[in-house]
Amino acid sequence: MSDKLVVKVDSRGRITIPKEARKAADIESGDVLFMNLSPGRVELTRAIEDPLVELTAYAESEYKKGNTQNLRDFAEEEGIKLDE
């Protein structure tokens, strides 16, 4: 399979993942995909058997980038009392 495939977005915003891409990524009907977005880019990742593994990796990545906040600090800023 080539690294680049061209797909077209239909009038309802949908795309079809080509058969060769589904086969290469082991994507089957009914699978859940995670969508990671950045400017000008959309990345689809097939959820593995335990989606928490992917979510953990994403959370760790966001933490390393400094995009997370301590829950207690957030609650205090929002006026939420956690210890009641």
Protein backbone atom coordinates (compact mmCIF):
# COMPACT_ATOMS: atom_id res chain seq x y z
CA MET A 1 0.00 0.00 0.00
CA SER A 2 1.27 3.50 -0.76
CA ASP A 3 1.65 5.97 2.10
CA LYS A 4 -0.68 8.48 0.47
CA LEU A 5 -4.30 7.84 -0.46
CA VAL A 6 -6.78 10.40 -1.72
CA VAL A 7 -10.32 10.45 -0.38
CA LYS A 8 -13.07 12.98 -0.94
CA VAL A 9 -15.33 14.46 1.72
CA ASP A 10 -19.01 14.20 0.75
CA SER A 11 -21.66 16.87 1.29
CA ARG A 12 -22.42 15.50 4.76
CA GLY A 13 -18.76 15.62 5.86
CA ARG A 14 -18.16 11.88 5.52
CA ILE A 15 -15.23 10.04 4.00
CA THR A 16 -14.81 6.41 3.02
CA ILE A 17 -11.67 4.68 4.23
CA PRO A 18 -10.36 2.77 1.20
CA LYS A 19 -10.30 -1.02 1.44
CA GLU A 20 -6.51 -1.22 1.25
CA ALA A 21 -6.19 1.26 4.13
CA ARG A 22 -8.74 -0.66 6.25
CA LYS A 23 -6.87 -3.88 5.57
CA ALA A 24 -3.45 -2.37 6.39
CA ALA A 25 -4.78 -0.83 9.64
CA ASP A 26 -6.85 -3.92 10.54
CA ILE A 27 -10.04 -1.82 10.63
CA GLU A 28 -13.32 -3.71 10.41
CA SER A 29 -16.96 -2.68 10.35
CA GLY A 30 -18.04 -1.61 13.83
CA ASP A 31 -14.53 -0.74 15.03
CA VAL A 32 -14.09 2.39 17.11
CA LEU A 33 -11.57 4.99 15.92
CA PHE A 34 -9.98 7.83 17.84
CA MET A 35 -9.64 11.10 15.94
CA ASN A 36 -6.66 13.32 16.78
CA LEU A 37 -6.85 16.82 15.35
CA SER A 38 -4.23 19.46 14.68
CA PRO A 39 -4.21 22.36 12.21
CA GLY A 40 -4.63 20.94 8.71
CA ARG A 41 -4.38 17.35 9.92
CA VAL A 42 -6.73 14.59 11.03
CA GLU A 43 -5.27 11.35 12.36
CA LEU A 44 -7.40 8.26 12.90
CA THR A 45 -6.26 5.56 15.29
CA ARG A 46 -8.07 2.25 15.66
CA ALA A 47 -9.06 1.65 19.25
CA ILE A 48 -7.47 -1.48 20.57
CA GLU A 49 -9.27 -4.02 22.75
CA ASP A 50 -8.93 -1.76 25.80
CA PRO A 51 -9.54 1.90 24.81
CA LEU A 52 -8.11 2.98 28.16
CA VAL A 53 -4.64 2.10 26.87
CA GLU A 54 -5.00 4.68 24.08
CA LEU A 55 -6.54 7.22 26.44
CA THR A 56 -3.66 6.73 28.88
CA ALA A 57 -1.12 7.32 26.12
CA TYR A 58 -3.00 10.46 25.07
CA ALA A 59 -3.19 11.73 28.66
CA GLU A 60 0.53 11.13 29.17
CA SER A 61 1.29 12.97 25.93
CA GLU A 62 -0.84 15.95 26.97
CA TYR A 63 0.80 15.96 30.42
CA LYS A 64 4.28 16.03 28.89
CA LYS A 65 3.23 18.95 26.65
CA GLY A 66 2.04 20.86 29.73
CA ASN A 67 -1.60 20.81 28.62
CA THR A 68 -2.98 19.41 31.87
CA GLN A 69 -3.85 20.88 35.23
CA ASN A 70 -3.94 19.50 38.75
CA LEU A 71 -7.53 18.54 39.62
CA ARG A 72 -7.41 20.26 43.01
CA ASP A 73 -6.11 23.50 41.43
CA PHE A 74 -8.84 23.36 38.79
CA ALA A 75 -11.54 22.72 41.38
CA GLU A 76 -10.32 25.62 43.50
CA GLU A 77 -10.32 27.99 40.50
CA GLU A 78 -13.86 26.89 39.61
CA GLY A 79 -15.10 27.09 43.21
CA ILE A 80 -15.69 23.34 43.41
CA LYS A 81 -15.24 21.75 46.85
CA LEU A 82 -13.79 18.26 46.57
CA ASP A 83 -13.62 17.27 50.23
CA GLU A 84 -17.29 17.55 51.15
